[in-house]
N, C-alpha and C. Protein backbone atom coordinates (compact mmCIF):
# COMPACT_ATOMS: atom_id res chain seq x y z
N MET A 1 0.77 -0.98 -0.05
CA MET A 1 -0.06 -0.12 0.13
C MET A 1 0.82 1.21 0.10
N ASN A 2 0.51 2.19 -0.81
CA ASN A 2 1.09 3.57 -0.84
C ASN A 2 0.58 4.29 0.24
N LYS A 3 1.48 5.41 0.71
CA LYS A 3 0.72 6.34 1.61
C LYS A 3 -0.01 7.29 0.82
N THR A 4 -1.55 7.53 1.30
CA THR A 4 -2.27 8.24 0.63
C THR A 4 -2.35 9.76 1.23
N HIS A 5 -2.81 10.72 0.26
CA HIS A 5 -2.90 12.08 1.20
C HIS A 5 -4.32 12.71 0.45
N SER A 6 -5.14 13.14 1.70
CA SER A 6 -6.24 13.30 1.22
C SER A 6 -6.96 14.59 2.28
N THR A 7 -7.80 15.27 1.86
CA THR A 7 -8.23 16.39 2.96
C THR A 7 -9.39 15.84 3.81
N ALA A 8 -10.07 15.07 3.35
CA ALA A 8 -11.13 14.31 4.12
C ALA A 8 -10.51 13.36 4.65
N THR A 9 -10.73 13.24 6.31
CA THR A 9 -10.31 12.43 6.97
C THR A 9 -11.32 11.52 7.87
N PHE A 10 -10.95 10.48 8.35
CA PHE A 10 -11.83 9.61 9.29
C PHE A 10 -11.08 9.39 10.55
N PRO A 11 -11.48 9.91 11.79
CA PRO A 11 -11.00 10.06 13.05
C PRO A 11 -11.27 8.53 13.38
N VAL A 12 -10.37 7.75 14.22
CA VAL A 12 -10.59 6.64 14.80
C VAL A 12 -9.88 6.65 16.34
N HIS A 13 -10.46 5.74 17.01
CA HIS A 13 -10.13 5.74 18.53
C HIS A 13 -9.56 4.54 18.76
N VAL A 14 -8.54 4.20 19.21
CA VAL A 14 -7.92 3.02 19.35
C VAL A 14 -7.28 2.76 20.76
N SER A 15 -7.67 1.49 21.27
CA SER A 15 -7.29 1.28 22.88
C SER A 15 -6.51 -0.10 22.71
N VAL A 16 -5.99 -0.32 23.90
CA VAL A 16 -5.39 -1.73 24.25
C VAL A 16 -5.56 -1.52 25.99
N LYS A 17 -6.30 -2.79 26.32
CA LYS A 17 -6.29 -3.24 27.41
C LYS A 17 -5.39 -4.44 27.63
N ASN A 18 -4.61 -4.53 28.87
CA ASN A 18 -3.53 -5.41 29.10
C ASN A 18 -3.92 -6.08 30.44
N LYS A 19 -3.87 -7.48 30.66
CA LYS A 19 -3.98 -8.25 31.76
C LYS A 19 -2.54 -8.99 31.69
N CYS A 20 -1.43 -8.91 30.78
CA CYS A 20 -0.35 -9.66 30.98
C CYS A 20 0.71 -8.99 31.67
N GLU A 21 1.60 -9.64 32.62
CA GLU A 21 2.79 -9.06 33.11
C GLU A 21 3.78 -8.70 32.26
N ASN A 22 4.14 -9.35 31.09
CA ASN A 22 5.28 -9.14 30.46
C ASN A 22 5.03 -8.25 29.30
N ILE A 23 4.27 -7.20 29.16
CA ILE A 23 4.18 -6.12 28.01
C ILE A 23 3.43 -5.04 28.58
N ASP A 24 3.78 -4.19 28.13
CA ASP A 24 3.05 -2.78 28.24
C ASP A 24 2.15 -2.10 27.31
N ALA A 25 0.94 -1.97 27.67
CA ALA A 25 -0.07 -1.43 26.91
C ALA A 25 0.22 -0.33 26.02
N THR A 26 1.03 0.51 26.44
CA THR A 26 1.64 1.93 25.77
C THR A 26 2.40 1.31 24.66
N CYS A 27 3.31 0.77 25.11
CA CYS A 27 4.44 0.24 24.10
C CYS A 27 3.57 -0.52 22.85
N LEU A 28 2.77 -1.50 23.20
CA LEU A 28 2.06 -2.11 22.05
C LEU A 28 1.27 -1.12 21.03
N LEU A 29 0.49 -0.15 21.94
CA LEU A 29 -0.20 0.97 20.96
C LEU A 29 0.74 1.81 20.01
N GLY A 30 1.86 2.32 20.87
CA GLY A 30 2.74 3.02 20.31
C GLY A 30 3.59 2.03 18.86
N GLN A 31 3.72 1.09 19.27
CA GLN A 31 4.16 -0.03 18.19
C GLN A 31 3.41 0.23 16.85
N PHE A 32 1.97 0.04 17.32
CA PHE A 32 1.02 -0.21 16.10
C PHE A 32 0.93 1.43 15.46
N ILE A 33 1.08 2.44 16.04
CA ILE A 33 1.15 3.69 15.40
C ILE A 33 2.15 4.06 14.87
N GLU A 34 3.20 3.51 15.20
CA GLU A 34 4.61 3.70 14.44
C GLU A 34 4.66 3.04 13.04
N GLN A 35 4.06 1.73 13.29
CA GLN A 35 4.00 0.86 11.98
C GLN A 35 2.82 1.47 10.99
N ALA A 36 1.73 1.61 11.53
CA ALA A 36 0.78 2.37 10.34
C ALA A 36 1.26 3.48 9.77
N SER A 37 2.07 4.46 10.68
CA SER A 37 2.30 5.68 10.12
C SER A 37 3.18 5.62 8.96
N GLU A 38 4.19 4.29 8.93
CA GLU A 38 4.95 4.06 7.68
C GLU A 38 4.13 3.74 6.49
N THR A 39 2.99 3.51 6.63
CA THR A 39 2.08 2.94 5.44
C THR A 39 0.83 4.05 5.11
N PHE A 40 0.22 4.47 6.20
CA PHE A 40 -0.82 5.64 6.19
C PHE A 40 -0.66 7.06 6.50
N ASP A 41 -1.21 8.12 6.04
CA ASP A 41 -0.95 9.49 6.39
C ASP A 41 -1.80 9.56 7.75
N LEU A 42 -1.36 9.39 8.67
CA LEU A 42 -1.80 9.45 10.13
C LEU A 42 -1.53 10.87 10.50
N THR A 43 -2.65 11.26 11.20
CA THR A 43 -2.76 12.54 11.95
C THR A 43 -3.10 12.49 13.30
N LEU A 44 -2.34 12.57 14.12
CA LEU A 44 -2.68 12.62 15.66
C LEU A 44 -3.54 13.27 15.99
N LYS A 45 -4.61 13.13 16.58
CA LYS A 45 -5.70 14.05 17.16
C LYS A 45 -5.52 14.30 18.96
N GLU A 46 -5.38 13.00 19.35
CA GLU A 46 -5.21 12.98 20.94
C GLU A 46 -3.88 12.09 21.02
N PRO A 47 -3.06 12.49 21.67
CA PRO A 47 -1.74 11.69 21.94
C PRO A 47 -1.88 10.35 22.28
N LEU A 48 -0.98 9.56 22.24
CA LEU A 48 -0.81 8.18 22.89
C LEU A 48 -0.98 8.28 24.44
N SER A 49 -1.61 8.04 25.36
CA SER A 49 -1.79 7.96 26.53
C SER A 49 -2.10 6.72 27.36
N GLY A 50 -1.88 6.73 28.73
CA GLY A 50 -1.98 5.60 29.25
C GLY A 50 -0.81 4.84 30.43
N ASN A 51 -0.82 3.89 30.60
CA ASN A 51 0.21 3.12 31.39
C ASN A 51 0.12 1.54 30.85
N LYS A 52 0.83 0.72 31.68
CA LYS A 52 1.08 -0.43 31.45
C LYS A 52 -0.22 -1.21 31.07
N TRP A 53 -1.13 -1.09 31.79
CA TRP A 53 -2.52 -1.95 31.62
C TRP A 53 -3.24 -1.18 30.92
N ASP A 54 -3.65 0.18 30.41
CA ASP A 54 -4.32 0.71 29.48
C ASP A 54 -3.93 1.80 28.61
N ALA A 55 -4.12 1.72 27.31
CA ALA A 55 -3.73 2.79 26.57
C ALA A 55 -4.67 3.15 25.34
N GLU A 56 -4.49 4.27 25.03
CA GLU A 56 -5.38 4.81 23.95
C GLU A 56 -4.90 5.84 23.30
N ALA A 57 -5.28 6.34 22.10
CA ALA A 57 -5.10 7.45 21.24
C ALA A 57 -6.17 7.82 20.20
N VAL A 58 -6.18 8.76 19.79
CA VAL A 58 -6.99 9.25 18.64
C VAL A 58 -6.17 9.73 17.65
N PHE A 59 -6.53 9.17 16.17
CA PHE A 59 -5.80 9.67 15.07
C PHE A 59 -6.93 9.48 13.85
N ALA A 60 -6.30 10.31 12.89
CA ALA A 60 -7.30 10.40 11.60
C ALA A 60 -6.58 9.72 10.45
N VAL A 61 -6.94 9.18 9.66
CA VAL A 61 -6.52 8.55 8.52
C VAL A 61 -7.38 9.25 7.17
N PRO A 62 -6.89 9.03 5.97
CA PRO A 62 -7.53 9.80 4.96
C PRO A 62 -9.06 8.72 4.61
N PHE A 63 -10.04 9.39 4.59
CA PHE A 63 -11.19 8.81 4.57
C PHE A 63 -11.19 7.30 3.62
N ALA A 64 -10.66 7.54 2.59
CA ALA A 64 -10.39 6.32 1.64
C ALA A 64 -9.80 5.26 2.39
N GLU A 65 -8.99 5.44 3.31
CA GLU A 65 -8.20 4.35 3.94
C GLU A 65 -8.87 3.78 5.34
N ARG A 66 -10.06 4.20 5.50
CA ARG A 66 -10.65 3.93 6.90
C ARG A 66 -10.62 2.46 6.93
N GLU A 67 -11.24 1.63 5.91
CA GLU A 67 -11.09 0.03 6.10
C GLU A 67 -9.92 -0.49 6.32
N HIS A 68 -8.97 0.01 5.34
CA HIS A 68 -7.50 -0.57 5.52
C HIS A 68 -6.94 -0.36 6.68
N ILE A 69 -7.05 0.72 7.52
CA ILE A 69 -6.43 0.93 8.97
C ILE A 69 -6.99 0.07 9.80
N ARG A 70 -8.49 -0.33 9.75
CA ARG A 70 -9.15 -1.26 10.43
C ARG A 70 -8.44 -2.71 10.08
N ILE A 71 -8.51 -3.17 8.87
CA ILE A 71 -7.76 -4.28 8.88
C ILE A 71 -6.45 -4.42 9.25
N ARG A 72 -5.58 -3.43 9.06
CA ARG A 72 -4.21 -3.54 9.86
C ARG A 72 -4.06 -3.57 11.24
N PHE A 73 -5.15 -3.02 12.00
CA PHE A 73 -5.19 -3.04 13.33
C PHE A 73 -5.58 -4.68 13.76
N ASN A 74 -6.58 -5.06 13.00
CA ASN A 74 -6.72 -6.51 13.36
C ASN A 74 -5.60 -7.51 13.25
N ILE A 75 -4.86 -7.13 12.10
CA ILE A 75 -3.66 -8.10 11.92
C ILE A 75 -2.77 -7.98 12.88
N PHE A 76 -2.44 -6.78 13.35
CA PHE A 76 -1.58 -6.29 14.55
C PHE A 76 -1.86 -6.96 15.78
N ALA A 77 -3.29 -6.64 15.97
CA ALA A 77 -3.89 -7.57 17.42
C ALA A 77 -3.67 -8.92 17.28
N SER A 78 -3.69 -9.56 16.04
CA SER A 78 -3.71 -11.05 16.01
C SER A 78 -2.31 -11.36 16.41
N GLU A 79 -1.33 -10.70 15.67
CA GLU A 79 0.00 -10.94 15.80
C GLU A 79 0.45 -10.86 17.25
N MET A 80 -0.04 -9.95 17.92
CA MET A 80 0.34 -9.76 19.46
C MET A 80 -0.14 -10.79 20.30
N ASP A 81 -1.43 -11.24 19.75
CA ASP A 81 -2.06 -12.13 20.52
C ASP A 81 -1.30 -13.41 20.77
N TYR A 82 -0.78 -13.56 19.46
CA TYR A 82 0.01 -15.01 19.14
C TYR A 82 1.47 -14.89 19.84
N LYS A 83 1.87 -13.86 19.81
CA LYS A 83 3.31 -13.37 20.45
C LYS A 83 3.29 -13.33 22.09
N TYR A 84 2.27 -12.76 22.74
CA TYR A 84 2.01 -12.54 23.91
C TYR A 84 0.99 -13.74 24.84
N GLY A 85 0.15 -14.14 23.94
CA GLY A 85 -1.05 -14.93 24.58
C GLY A 85 -2.06 -14.14 24.91
N GLN A 86 -2.85 -14.92 25.56
CA GLN A 86 -4.21 -14.14 26.08
C GLN A 86 -3.84 -12.97 27.14
N GLY A 87 -5.01 -12.16 27.17
CA GLY A 87 -4.86 -10.98 28.17
C GLY A 87 -4.61 -9.68 27.47
N LEU A 88 -4.74 -9.74 26.18
CA LEU A 88 -4.55 -8.31 25.56
C LEU A 88 -5.82 -8.25 24.88
N TYR A 89 -6.45 -6.74 24.95
CA TYR A 89 -7.64 -6.59 24.29
C TYR A 89 -7.54 -5.39 23.33
N PHE A 90 -7.76 -5.50 22.08
CA PHE A 90 -7.36 -4.27 21.25
C PHE A 90 -8.86 -3.93 20.70
N HIS A 91 -9.14 -2.64 20.64
CA HIS A 91 -10.40 -1.89 20.14
C HIS A 91 -10.14 -0.76 19.52
N MET A 92 -11.04 -0.80 18.35
CA MET A 92 -10.75 0.43 17.40
C MET A 92 -12.30 0.72 17.06
N GLU A 93 -12.58 2.25 17.06
CA GLU A 93 -13.89 2.66 16.72
C GLU A 93 -13.63 3.95 16.11
N SER A 94 -14.64 4.48 15.41
CA SER A 94 -14.68 5.85 14.81
C SER A 94 -14.70 6.60 15.99
N ALA A 95 -14.28 7.83 15.77
CA ALA A 95 -14.08 9.07 16.71
C ALA A 95 -14.90 10.19 16.40
N PHE A 96 -16.04 10.03 15.70
CA PHE A 96 -16.86 11.17 15.28
C PHE A 96 -17.57 11.80 16.30
């Protein structure tokens, strides 16, 4: 996927809830945002905040990429579940 640039954006709220001892929720969410920004034209609306147990952020992507970012988030969540096991909860929703 190439980075896209558009004036119409779609805001999304992402969060991670963590019940594992061996990982930090803010690190996980930060990793997702960093990886996604390599592919998508992200605009941070509310910076990453949280702690080891809960993290959240709001960013916008070009409207045409709204489904692609959701797919990428689901893939990332699946990869982290496989890597760290149960106890991680990933959530993405529109932030209109």
